Amino acid sequence: MTGNVVSRRYAKALFTIGAAKGEAEQKAYGKQLSELADSILAAPQALSFFKNPSFSAEEKKSVLNKMVEKASMDPMVRNFCDLLADKGRAEMLPAIASDYKVMMDAVTGVLTGELITVSDMDEERKAQIKARLEEQCGKKLELTFLADKAILGGIVLKIGDKVMDASLKAQLQILKENIKRGV
């Protein structure tokens, strides 16, 4: 999981409240939390504001409430944001949203990962690869496709905490180690 112990605890608290209210509410809280975190991350000055100890909890709560009102979020999310501001944890919203998403993905059986290739692929090819991987693992995947010329060729697939490195760079590194050992 991302973040730290504190962000996981706050995420778990909201997650548990959402679970008690139903799956639809739980998903809605996660979506709203994610939107709020995205808007904070999109404006670096907002994150700096929430991290700055010279602003009072009331000032931070006021700004956070305006953001929540603008996005017309659930009262529970508003109360949660007020709690974060009161406790001086408003800057942790992006980490809390990330932890909440991990918890939600675990419940819904969604795996998050990234596929790294040498060059960009078209959307059709991405969809084919994603469908094949979903078929193989039997779960829904949320894949991020990246291009990295440093791998020289092949692919690197990261899903959860597992990494399958079938890149040319990794194979050359293995060959180099074998030559050093005299194998």
N, C-alpha and C. Protein backbone atom coordinates (compact mmCIF):
# COMPACT_ATOMS: atom_id res chain seq x y z
N MET A 1 0.83 -1.19 0.00
CA MET A 1 0.00 0.00 0.00
C MET A 1 0.87 1.24 0.00
N THR A 2 0.31 2.29 -0.50
CA THR A 2 1.05 3.55 -0.51
C THR A 2 0.80 4.30 0.79
N GLY A 3 1.46 5.44 0.92
CA GLY A 3 1.23 6.25 2.10
C GLY A 3 1.92 5.67 3.31
N ASN A 4 1.35 5.94 4.45
CA ASN A 4 1.93 5.42 5.68
C ASN A 4 0.83 4.90 6.58
N VAL A 5 1.17 4.56 7.78
CA VAL A 5 0.23 3.97 8.73
C VAL A 5 -0.95 4.92 8.98
N VAL A 6 -0.67 6.20 9.13
CA VAL A 6 -1.72 7.17 9.43
C VAL A 6 -2.70 7.29 8.28
N SER A 7 -2.20 7.39 7.05
CA SER A 7 -3.11 7.51 5.91
C SER A 7 -3.95 6.25 5.75
N ARG A 8 -3.35 5.08 6.01
CA ARG A 8 -4.12 3.83 5.92
C ARG A 8 -5.22 3.78 6.98
N ARG A 9 -4.94 4.29 8.16
CA ARG A 9 -5.95 4.29 9.23
C ARG A 9 -7.13 5.18 8.87
N TYR A 10 -6.85 6.36 8.36
CA TYR A 10 -7.93 7.26 7.96
C TYR A 10 -8.72 6.65 6.79
N ALA A 11 -8.01 6.08 5.84
CA ALA A 11 -8.69 5.45 4.69
C ALA A 11 -9.56 4.29 5.17
N LYS A 12 -9.04 3.51 6.09
CA LYS A 12 -9.80 2.36 6.59
C LYS A 12 -11.04 2.82 7.35
N ALA A 13 -10.92 3.91 8.08
CA ALA A 13 -12.08 4.43 8.82
C ALA A 13 -13.21 4.80 7.86
N LEU A 14 -12.89 5.56 6.82
CA LEU A 14 -13.91 5.95 5.85
C LEU A 14 -14.40 4.74 5.08
N PHE A 15 -13.51 3.82 4.79
CA PHE A 15 -13.86 2.60 4.07
C PHE A 15 -14.86 1.77 4.88
N THR A 16 -14.64 1.67 6.17
CA THR A 16 -15.53 0.91 7.05
C THR A 16 -16.90 1.57 7.14
N ILE A 17 -16.93 2.89 7.23
CA ILE A 17 -18.20 3.61 7.26
C ILE A 17 -18.95 3.38 5.95
N GLY A 18 -18.23 3.45 4.84
CA GLY A 18 -18.86 3.20 3.54
C GLY A 18 -19.40 1.79 3.43
N ALA A 19 -18.66 0.82 3.96
CA ALA A 19 -19.10 -0.58 3.92
C ALA A 19 -20.38 -0.76 4.72
N ALA A 20 -20.49 -0.06 5.84
CA ALA A 20 -21.68 -0.16 6.68
C ALA A 20 -22.90 0.43 5.97
N LYS A 21 -22.67 1.43 5.13
CA LYS A 21 -23.78 2.07 4.41
C LYS A 21 -24.13 1.36 3.11
N GLY A 22 -23.26 0.50 2.62
CA GLY A 22 -23.53 -0.23 1.40
C GLY A 22 -22.43 -0.06 0.37
N GLU A 23 -22.39 -0.97 -0.57
CA GLU A 23 -21.33 -0.97 -1.58
C GLU A 23 -21.36 0.28 -2.46
N ALA A 24 -22.57 0.75 -2.79
CA ALA A 24 -22.69 1.94 -3.64
C ALA A 24 -22.10 3.16 -2.94
N GLU A 25 -22.39 3.30 -1.65
CA GLU A 25 -21.85 4.43 -0.89
C GLU A 25 -20.33 4.32 -0.78
N GLN A 26 -19.87 3.10 -0.55
CA GLN A 26 -18.44 2.85 -0.42
C GLN A 26 -17.70 3.28 -1.69
N LYS A 27 -18.24 2.89 -2.85
CA LYS A 27 -17.64 3.28 -4.13
C LYS A 27 -17.71 4.78 -4.33
N ALA A 28 -18.84 5.38 -3.96
CA ALA A 28 -19.01 6.83 -4.12
C ALA A 28 -18.00 7.60 -3.27
N TYR A 29 -17.79 7.16 -2.03
CA TYR A 29 -16.80 7.82 -1.18
C TYR A 29 -15.42 7.75 -1.81
N GLY A 30 -15.06 6.59 -2.32
CA GLY A 30 -13.76 6.43 -2.95
C GLY A 30 -13.59 7.32 -4.16
N LYS A 31 -14.64 7.39 -4.99
CA LYS A 31 -14.59 8.22 -6.19
C LYS A 31 -14.44 9.70 -5.82
N GLN A 32 -15.22 10.13 -4.84
CA GLN A 32 -15.17 11.53 -4.41
C GLN A 32 -13.83 11.87 -3.77
N LEU A 33 -13.33 10.96 -2.97
CA LEU A 33 -12.03 11.16 -2.33
C LEU A 33 -10.93 11.27 -3.39
N SER A 34 -11.03 10.42 -4.41
CA SER A 34 -10.05 10.43 -5.49
C SER A 34 -10.12 11.74 -6.29
N GLU A 35 -11.33 12.22 -6.56
CA GLU A 35 -11.49 13.49 -7.28
C GLU A 35 -10.89 14.65 -6.49
N LEU A 36 -11.13 14.65 -5.19
CA LEU A 36 -10.59 15.70 -4.33
C LEU A 36 -9.07 15.64 -4.30
N ALA A 37 -8.52 14.44 -4.18
CA ALA A 37 -7.06 14.27 -4.17
C ALA A 37 -6.46 14.72 -5.50
N ASP A 38 -7.13 14.37 -6.62
CA ASP A 38 -6.64 14.78 -7.93
C ASP A 38 -6.62 16.29 -8.07
N SER A 39 -7.65 16.95 -7.55
CA SER A 39 -7.69 18.42 -7.66
C SER A 39 -6.60 19.05 -6.79
N ILE A 40 -6.29 18.44 -5.67
CA ILE A 40 -5.21 18.96 -4.82
C ILE A 40 -3.86 18.75 -5.49
N LEU A 41 -3.66 17.57 -6.07
CA LEU A 41 -2.38 17.29 -6.74
C LEU A 41 -2.21 18.10 -8.01
N ALA A 42 -3.32 18.46 -8.65
CA ALA A 42 -3.25 19.23 -9.89
C ALA A 42 -2.77 20.66 -9.63
N ALA A 43 -2.98 21.13 -8.42
CA ALA A 43 -2.55 22.49 -8.05
C ALA A 43 -1.50 22.38 -6.94
N PRO A 44 -0.22 22.43 -7.29
CA PRO A 44 0.83 22.28 -6.28
C PRO A 44 0.73 23.31 -5.15
N GLN A 45 0.19 24.49 -5.46
CA GLN A 45 0.06 25.50 -4.42
C GLN A 45 -0.98 25.08 -3.37
N ALA A 46 -1.97 24.28 -3.76
CA ALA A 46 -2.96 23.78 -2.80
C ALA A 46 -2.30 22.83 -1.81
N LEU A 47 -1.48 21.92 -2.31
CA LEU A 47 -0.79 20.98 -1.43
C LEU A 47 0.17 21.73 -0.51
N SER A 48 0.84 22.73 -1.04
CA SER A 48 1.74 23.55 -0.21
C SER A 48 0.96 24.27 0.88
N PHE A 49 -0.23 24.76 0.53
CA PHE A 49 -1.08 25.43 1.51
C PHE A 49 -1.45 24.49 2.66
N PHE A 50 -1.87 23.27 2.31
CA PHE A 50 -2.28 22.32 3.35
C PHE A 50 -1.11 21.84 4.20
N LYS A 51 0.09 21.84 3.63
CA LYS A 51 1.28 21.42 4.39
C LYS A 51 1.82 22.54 5.28
N ASN A 52 1.49 23.78 4.96
CA ASN A 52 2.04 24.94 5.66
C ASN A 52 1.44 25.07 7.06
N PRO A 53 2.27 24.96 8.11
CA PRO A 53 1.75 25.05 9.48
C PRO A 53 1.35 26.46 9.91
N SER A 54 1.70 27.47 9.12
CA SER A 54 1.34 28.83 9.51
C SER A 54 -0.14 29.13 9.27
N PHE A 55 -0.82 28.30 8.50
CA PHE A 55 -2.26 28.46 8.31
C PHE A 55 -2.99 27.64 9.36
N SER A 56 -4.05 28.21 9.90
CA SER A 56 -4.79 27.52 10.96
C SER A 56 -5.66 26.40 10.38
N ALA A 57 -6.12 25.54 11.29
CA ALA A 57 -7.01 24.45 10.89
C ALA A 57 -8.30 25.01 10.29
N GLU A 58 -8.76 26.12 10.82
CA GLU A 58 -10.01 26.73 10.31
C GLU A 58 -9.82 27.24 8.87
N GLU A 59 -8.66 27.83 8.59
CA GLU A 59 -8.40 28.31 7.23
C GLU A 59 -8.33 27.12 6.26
N LYS A 60 -7.66 26.07 6.68
CA LYS A 60 -7.55 24.89 5.84
C LYS A 60 -8.93 24.24 5.65
N LYS A 61 -9.71 24.20 6.72
CA LYS A 61 -11.06 23.64 6.65
C LYS A 61 -11.92 24.45 5.69
N SER A 62 -11.78 25.76 5.72
CA SER A 62 -12.55 26.63 4.84
C SER A 62 -12.23 26.35 3.37
N VAL A 63 -10.95 26.25 3.06
CA VAL A 63 -10.54 25.97 1.68
C VAL A 63 -11.02 24.59 1.25
N LEU A 64 -10.86 23.63 2.13
CA LEU A 64 -11.29 22.26 1.84
C LEU A 64 -12.80 22.19 1.63
N ASN A 65 -13.55 22.92 2.45
CA ASN A 65 -15.01 22.95 2.29
C ASN A 65 -15.43 23.57 0.97
N LYS A 66 -14.70 24.60 0.53
CA LYS A 66 -15.02 25.21 -0.77
C LYS A 66 -14.77 24.22 -1.90
N MET A 67 -13.70 23.45 -1.77
CA MET A 67 -13.40 22.44 -2.79
C MET A 67 -14.48 21.35 -2.80
N VAL A 68 -14.92 20.95 -1.61
CA VAL A 68 -15.95 19.91 -1.49
C VAL A 68 -17.28 20.42 -2.04
N GLU A 69 -17.62 21.69 -1.72
CA GLU A 69 -18.87 22.28 -2.23
C GLU A 69 -18.86 22.38 -3.75
N LYS A 70 -17.74 22.81 -4.29
CA LYS A 70 -17.62 22.97 -5.74
C LYS A 70 -17.83 21.63 -6.44
N ALA A 71 -17.37 20.55 -5.84
CA ALA A 71 -17.52 19.22 -6.43
C ALA A 71 -18.82 18.55 -6.00
N SER A 72 -19.62 19.23 -5.18
CA SER A 72 -20.89 18.72 -4.63
C SER A 72 -20.75 17.27 -4.15
N MET A 73 -19.99 17.13 -3.08
CA MET A 73 -19.71 15.81 -2.53
C MET A 73 -20.65 15.46 -1.38
N ASP A 74 -20.66 14.20 -1.04
CA ASP A 74 -21.49 13.64 0.02
C ASP A 74 -21.15 14.31 1.36
N PRO A 75 -22.15 14.50 2.23
CA PRO A 75 -21.88 15.10 3.55
C PRO A 75 -20.86 14.30 4.37
N MET A 76 -20.85 12.98 4.18
CA MET A 76 -19.88 12.16 4.93
C MET A 76 -18.45 12.51 4.51
N VAL A 77 -18.24 12.74 3.22
CA VAL A 77 -16.91 13.11 2.74
C VAL A 77 -16.54 14.49 3.27
N ARG A 78 -17.53 15.39 3.32
CA ARG A 78 -17.29 16.73 3.88
C ARG A 78 -16.87 16.62 5.34
N ASN A 79 -17.59 15.82 6.12
CA ASN A 79 -17.26 15.64 7.53
C ASN A 79 -15.87 15.02 7.68
N PHE A 80 -15.56 14.07 6.81
CA PHE A 80 -14.25 13.43 6.84
C PHE A 80 -13.16 14.46 6.58
N CYS A 81 -13.37 15.33 5.61
CA CYS A 81 -12.40 16.39 5.29
C CYS A 81 -12.26 17.37 6.45
N ASP A 82 -13.38 17.69 7.11
CA ASP A 82 -13.33 18.56 8.28
C ASP A 82 -12.47 17.93 9.38
N LEU A 83 -12.65 16.63 9.58
CA LEU A 83 -11.86 15.91 10.58
C LEU A 83 -10.37 15.98 10.24
N LEU A 84 -10.06 15.77 8.95
CA LEU A 84 -8.65 15.83 8.53
C LEU A 84 -8.07 17.22 8.80
N ALA A 85 -8.84 18.26 8.49
CA ALA A 85 -8.36 19.62 8.72
C ALA A 85 -8.18 19.88 10.22
N ASP A 86 -9.14 19.44 11.03
CA ASP A 86 -9.04 19.64 12.48
C ASP A 86 -7.82 18.94 13.07
N LYS A 87 -7.50 17.78 12.54
CA LYS A 87 -6.37 16.99 13.05
C LYS A 87 -5.04 17.36 12.39
N GLY A 88 -5.06 18.34 11.48
CA GLY A 88 -3.83 18.76 10.81
C GLY A 88 -3.34 17.74 9.80
N ARG A 89 -4.26 17.00 9.18
CA ARG A 89 -3.90 15.94 8.25
C ARG A 89 -4.43 16.19 6.84
N ALA A 90 -4.82 17.39 6.53
CA ALA A 90 -5.41 17.69 5.22
C ALA A 90 -4.44 17.40 4.07
N GLU A 91 -3.15 17.58 4.32
CA GLU A 91 -2.16 17.33 3.26
C GLU A 91 -2.03 15.85 2.93
N MET A 92 -2.61 14.99 3.77
CA MET A 92 -2.54 13.55 3.54
C MET A 92 -3.66 13.03 2.64
N LEU A 93 -4.54 13.92 2.19
CA LEU A 93 -5.67 13.49 1.36
C LEU A 93 -5.27 12.65 0.15
N PRO A 94 -4.24 13.03 -0.61
CA PRO A 94 -3.86 12.17 -1.75
C PRO A 94 -3.43 10.77 -1.32
N ALA A 95 -2.68 10.65 -0.23
CA ALA A 95 -2.25 9.33 0.25
C ALA A 95 -3.43 8.53 0.77
N ILE A 96 -4.36 9.20 1.43
CA ILE A 96 -5.55 8.53 1.95
C ILE A 96 -6.40 8.03 0.78
N ALA A 97 -6.56 8.85 -0.24
CA ALA A 97 -7.33 8.44 -1.42
C ALA A 97 -6.68 7.24 -2.10
N SER A 98 -5.37 7.23 -2.18
CA SER A 98 -4.64 6.12 -2.78
C SER A 98 -4.84 4.84 -1.97
N ASP A 99 -4.74 4.93 -0.65
CA ASP A 99 -4.96 3.78 0.21
C ASP A 99 -6.40 3.28 0.12
N TYR A 100 -7.33 4.20 0.04
CA TYR A 100 -8.75 3.84 -0.10
C TYR A 100 -8.96 3.06 -1.40
N LYS A 101 -8.32 3.52 -2.47
CA LYS A 101 -8.46 2.83 -3.76
C LYS A 101 -7.90 1.41 -3.69
N VAL A 102 -6.78 1.24 -3.01
CA VAL A 102 -6.19 -0.09 -2.86
C VAL A 102 -7.16 -1.01 -2.11
N MET A 103 -7.79 -0.48 -1.06
CA MET A 103 -8.76 -1.27 -0.30
C MET A 103 -9.97 -1.62 -1.16
N MET A 104 -10.44 -0.65 -1.93
CA MET A 104 -11.60 -0.87 -2.80
C MET A 104 -11.27 -1.90 -3.88
N ASP A 105 -10.08 -1.80 -4.44
CA ASP A 105 -9.66 -2.76 -5.47
C ASP A 105 -9.57 -4.17 -4.90
N ALA A 106 -9.12 -4.30 -3.66
CA ALA A 106 -9.02 -5.61 -3.03
C ALA A 106 -10.40 -6.23 -2.85
N VAL A 107 -11.38 -5.41 -2.49
CA VAL A 107 -12.74 -5.91 -2.29
C VAL A 107 -13.39 -6.29 -3.62
N THR A 108 -13.17 -5.48 -4.65
CA THR A 108 -13.83 -5.73 -5.94
C THR A 108 -13.03 -6.67 -6.84
N GLY A 109 -11.83 -7.05 -6.42
CA GLY A 109 -11.04 -7.99 -7.21
C GLY A 109 -10.35 -7.37 -8.40
N VAL A 110 -10.04 -6.10 -8.31
CA VAL A 110 -9.34 -5.40 -9.39
C VAL A 110 -7.85 -5.35 -9.07
N LEU A 111 -7.03 -5.69 -10.05
CA LEU A 111 -5.59 -5.60 -9.90
C LEU A 111 -5.08 -4.38 -10.66
N THR A 112 -4.16 -3.66 -10.07
CA THR A 112 -3.58 -2.49 -10.71
C THR A 112 -2.15 -2.82 -11.10
N GLY A 113 -1.77 -2.40 -12.29
CA GLY A 113 -0.42 -2.68 -12.74
C GLY A 113 0.02 -1.75 -13.85
N GLU A 114 1.24 -2.00 -14.31
CA GLU A 114 1.76 -1.22 -15.44
C GLU A 114 2.54 -2.14 -16.37
N LEU A 115 2.43 -1.82 -17.63
CA LEU A 115 3.13 -2.57 -18.67
C LEU A 115 4.07 -1.61 -19.36
N ILE A 116 5.35 -1.93 -19.33
CA ILE A 116 6.36 -1.06 -19.91
C ILE A 116 6.90 -1.72 -21.17
N THR A 117 6.88 -0.97 -22.27
CA THR A 117 7.42 -1.42 -23.55
C THR A 117 8.40 -0.37 -24.05
N VAL A 118 9.09 -0.69 -25.13
CA VAL A 118 10.07 0.24 -25.68
C VAL A 118 9.39 1.45 -26.31
N SER A 119 8.28 1.21 -27.02
CA SER A 119 7.59 2.30 -27.69
C SER A 119 6.11 2.26 -27.37
N ASP A 120 5.44 3.35 -27.67
CA ASP A 120 4.00 3.44 -27.43
C ASP A 120 3.24 2.49 -28.35
N MET A 121 2.12 1.99 -27.84
CA MET A 121 1.26 1.11 -28.63
C MET A 121 -0.04 1.83 -28.93
N ASP A 122 -0.72 1.39 -30.01
CA ASP A 122 -2.02 1.98 -30.31
C ASP A 122 -3.06 1.40 -29.35
N GLU A 123 -4.21 2.06 -29.28
CA GLU A 123 -5.26 1.68 -28.33
C GLU A 123 -5.78 0.26 -28.57
N GLU A 124 -5.86 -0.15 -29.82
CA GLU A 124 -6.36 -1.48 -30.14
C GLU A 124 -5.43 -2.55 -29.55
N ARG A 125 -4.14 -2.35 -29.71
CA ARG A 125 -3.15 -3.31 -29.20
C ARG A 125 -3.18 -3.35 -27.67
N LYS A 126 -3.32 -2.18 -27.04
CA LYS A 126 -3.41 -2.11 -25.59
C LYS A 126 -4.62 -2.91 -25.10
N ALA A 127 -5.75 -2.74 -25.77
CA ALA A 127 -6.98 -3.45 -25.38
C ALA A 127 -6.81 -4.96 -25.53
N GLN A 128 -6.12 -5.40 -26.60
CA GLN A 128 -5.89 -6.83 -26.81
C GLN A 128 -5.02 -7.41 -25.69
N ILE A 129 -3.96 -6.71 -25.37
CA ILE A 129 -3.05 -7.18 -24.32
C ILE A 129 -3.76 -7.22 -22.97
N LYS A 130 -4.51 -6.18 -22.67
CA LYS A 130 -5.24 -6.12 -21.41
C LYS A 130 -6.24 -7.27 -21.32
N ALA A 131 -6.98 -7.52 -22.40
CA ALA A 131 -7.97 -8.61 -22.41
C ALA A 131 -7.30 -9.96 -22.20
N ARG A 132 -6.17 -10.18 -22.85
CA ARG A 132 -5.45 -11.45 -22.71
C ARG A 132 -4.94 -11.63 -21.28
N LEU A 133 -4.41 -10.58 -20.69
CA LEU A 133 -3.90 -10.66 -19.32
C LEU A 133 -5.05 -10.89 -18.32
N GLU A 134 -6.20 -10.23 -18.55
CA GLU A 134 -7.36 -10.44 -17.68
C GLU A 134 -7.83 -11.89 -17.76
N GLU A 135 -7.80 -12.44 -18.96
CA GLU A 135 -8.21 -13.82 -19.18
C GLU A 135 -7.26 -14.78 -18.43
N GLN A 136 -5.98 -14.49 -18.48
CA GLN A 136 -4.99 -15.35 -17.84
C GLN A 136 -5.06 -15.31 -16.32
N CYS A 137 -5.28 -14.12 -15.76
CA CYS A 137 -5.28 -14.02 -14.30
C CYS A 137 -6.68 -14.16 -13.70
N GLY A 138 -7.71 -14.07 -14.53
CA GLY A 138 -9.07 -14.25 -14.06
C GLY A 138 -9.61 -13.10 -13.23
N LYS A 139 -8.99 -11.94 -13.34
CA LYS A 139 -9.44 -10.76 -12.60
C LYS A 139 -9.43 -9.55 -13.53
N LYS A 140 -10.13 -8.50 -13.11
CA LYS A 140 -10.13 -7.25 -13.88
C LYS A 140 -8.82 -6.52 -13.61
N LEU A 141 -8.25 -5.97 -14.66
CA LEU A 141 -6.98 -5.25 -14.55
C LEU A 141 -7.16 -3.77 -14.87
N GLU A 142 -6.46 -2.95 -14.15
CA GLU A 142 -6.32 -1.54 -14.50
C GLU A 142 -4.85 -1.35 -14.84
N LEU A 143 -4.56 -1.32 -16.13
CA LEU A 143 -3.17 -1.23 -16.57
C LEU A 143 -2.81 0.17 -17.00
N THR A 144 -1.63 0.58 -16.64
CA THR A 144 -1.04 1.82 -17.13
C THR A 144 0.04 1.39 -18.12
N PHE A 145 -0.02 1.94 -19.31
CA PHE A 145 0.95 1.60 -20.34
C PHE A 145 2.00 2.70 -20.42
N LEU A 146 3.27 2.30 -20.30
CA LEU A 146 4.37 3.25 -20.35
C LEU A 146 5.37 2.84 -21.42
N ALA A 147 6.09 3.80 -21.93
CA ALA A 147 7.16 3.52 -22.89
C ALA A 147 8.48 3.94 -22.25
N ASP A 148 9.48 3.04 -22.35
CA ASP A 148 10.79 3.30 -21.78
C ASP A 148 11.84 2.69 -22.69
N LYS A 149 12.58 3.52 -23.38
CA LYS A 149 13.59 3.04 -24.32
C LYS A 149 14.76 2.34 -23.61
N ALA A 150 14.90 2.56 -22.32
CA ALA A 150 16.01 1.97 -21.57
C ALA A 150 15.92 0.45 -21.46
N ILE A 151 14.72 -0.13 -21.66
CA ILE A 151 14.61 -1.59 -21.55
C ILE A 151 15.09 -2.30 -22.83
N LEU A 152 15.35 -1.53 -23.88
CA LEU A 152 15.91 -1.99 -25.15
C LEU A 152 14.97 -2.85 -26.00
N GLY A 153 14.12 -3.62 -25.40
CA GLY A 153 13.18 -4.48 -26.11
C GLY A 153 12.43 -5.34 -25.12
N GLY A 154 11.39 -6.04 -25.56
CA GLY A 154 10.61 -6.88 -24.67
C GLY A 154 9.64 -6.06 -23.85
N ILE A 155 9.24 -6.62 -22.70
CA ILE A 155 8.29 -5.93 -21.82
C ILE A 155 8.69 -6.11 -20.37
N VAL A 156 8.15 -5.22 -19.53
CA VAL A 156 8.22 -5.35 -18.08
C VAL A 156 6.78 -5.18 -17.60
N LEU A 157 6.25 -6.20 -16.93
CA LEU A 157 4.89 -6.18 -16.42
C LEU A 157 4.93 -6.18 -14.90
N LYS A 158 4.32 -5.15 -14.30
CA LYS A 158 4.25 -5.06 -12.85
C LYS A 158 2.78 -5.09 -12.46
N ILE A 159 2.39 -6.09 -11.68
CA ILE A 159 1.02 -6.19 -11.17
C ILE A 159 1.11 -6.43 -9.68
N GLY A 160 0.58 -5.48 -8.93
CA GLY A 160 0.68 -5.58 -7.48
C GLY A 160 2.13 -5.53 -7.06
N ASP A 161 2.57 -6.53 -6.31
CA ASP A 161 3.96 -6.57 -5.87
C ASP A 161 4.80 -7.54 -6.70
N LYS A 162 4.25 -8.02 -7.80
CA LYS A 162 4.96 -8.95 -8.67
C LYS A 162 5.46 -8.24 -9.92
N VAL A 163 6.67 -8.61 -10.36
CA VAL A 163 7.27 -8.02 -11.55
C VAL A 163 7.73 -9.15 -12.47
N MET A 164 7.32 -9.08 -13.72
CA MET A 164 7.81 -10.02 -14.73
C MET A 164 8.65 -9.18 -15.70
N ASP A 165 9.94 -9.37 -15.62
CA ASP A 165 10.85 -8.58 -16.45
C ASP A 165 11.33 -9.44 -17.61
N ALA A 166 10.70 -9.27 -18.77
CA ALA A 166 11.10 -9.99 -19.98
C ALA A 166 11.72 -9.00 -20.95
N SER A 167 12.47 -8.06 -20.40
CA SER A 167 13.10 -7.05 -21.24
C SER A 167 14.45 -7.53 -21.73
N LEU A 168 14.88 -6.98 -22.84
CA LEU A 168 16.19 -7.31 -23.39
C LEU A 168 17.28 -6.88 -22.42
N LYS A 169 17.07 -5.77 -21.76
CA LYS A 169 18.05 -5.26 -20.80
C LYS A 169 18.27 -6.28 -19.67
N ALA A 170 17.18 -6.85 -19.15
CA ALA A 170 17.29 -7.84 -18.07
C ALA A 170 17.98 -9.11 -18.55
N GLN A 171 17.66 -9.53 -19.77
CA GLN A 171 18.27 -10.74 -20.32
C GLN A 171 19.77 -10.54 -20.55
N LEU A 172 20.15 -9.36 -21.00
CA LEU A 172 21.57 -9.05 -21.17
C LEU A 172 22.29 -9.01 -19.82
N GLN A 173 21.61 -8.51 -18.80
CA GLN A 173 22.19 -8.46 -17.46
C GLN A 173 22.42 -9.87 -16.94
N ILE A 174 21.45 -10.78 -17.17
CA ILE A 174 21.60 -12.18 -16.75
C ILE A 174 22.78 -12.82 -17.48
N LEU A 175 22.87 -12.57 -18.78
CA LEU A 175 23.97 -13.10 -19.58
C LEU A 175 25.31 -12.59 -19.06
N LYS A 176 25.37 -11.33 -18.72
CA LYS A 176 26.60 -10.72 -18.19
C LYS A 176 27.00 -11.40 -16.88
N GLU A 177 26.03 -11.63 -15.99
CA GLU A 177 26.31 -12.30 -14.71
C GLU A 177 26.79 -13.73 -14.93
N ASN A 178 26.19 -14.44 -15.89
CA ASN A 178 26.61 -15.81 -16.20
C ASN A 178 28.05 -15.86 -16.72
N ILE A 179 28.38 -14.88 -17.55
CA ILE A 179 29.74 -14.83 -18.10
C ILE A 179 30.73 -14.54 -16.97
N LYS A 180 30.39 -13.66 -16.05
CA LYS A 180 31.26 -13.33 -14.93
C LYS A 180 31.52 -14.57 -14.05
N ARG A 181 30.47 -15.38 -13.86
CA ARG A 181 30.60 -16.58 -13.03
C ARG A 181 31.25 -17.75 -13.79
N GLY A 182 31.38 -17.59 -15.09
CA GLY A 182 31.99 -18.64 -15.90
C GLY A 182 31.06 -19.78 -16.22
N VAL A 183 29.78 -19.49 -16.25
CA VAL A 183 28.79 -20.53 -16.54
C VAL A 183 28.60 -20.69 -18.02
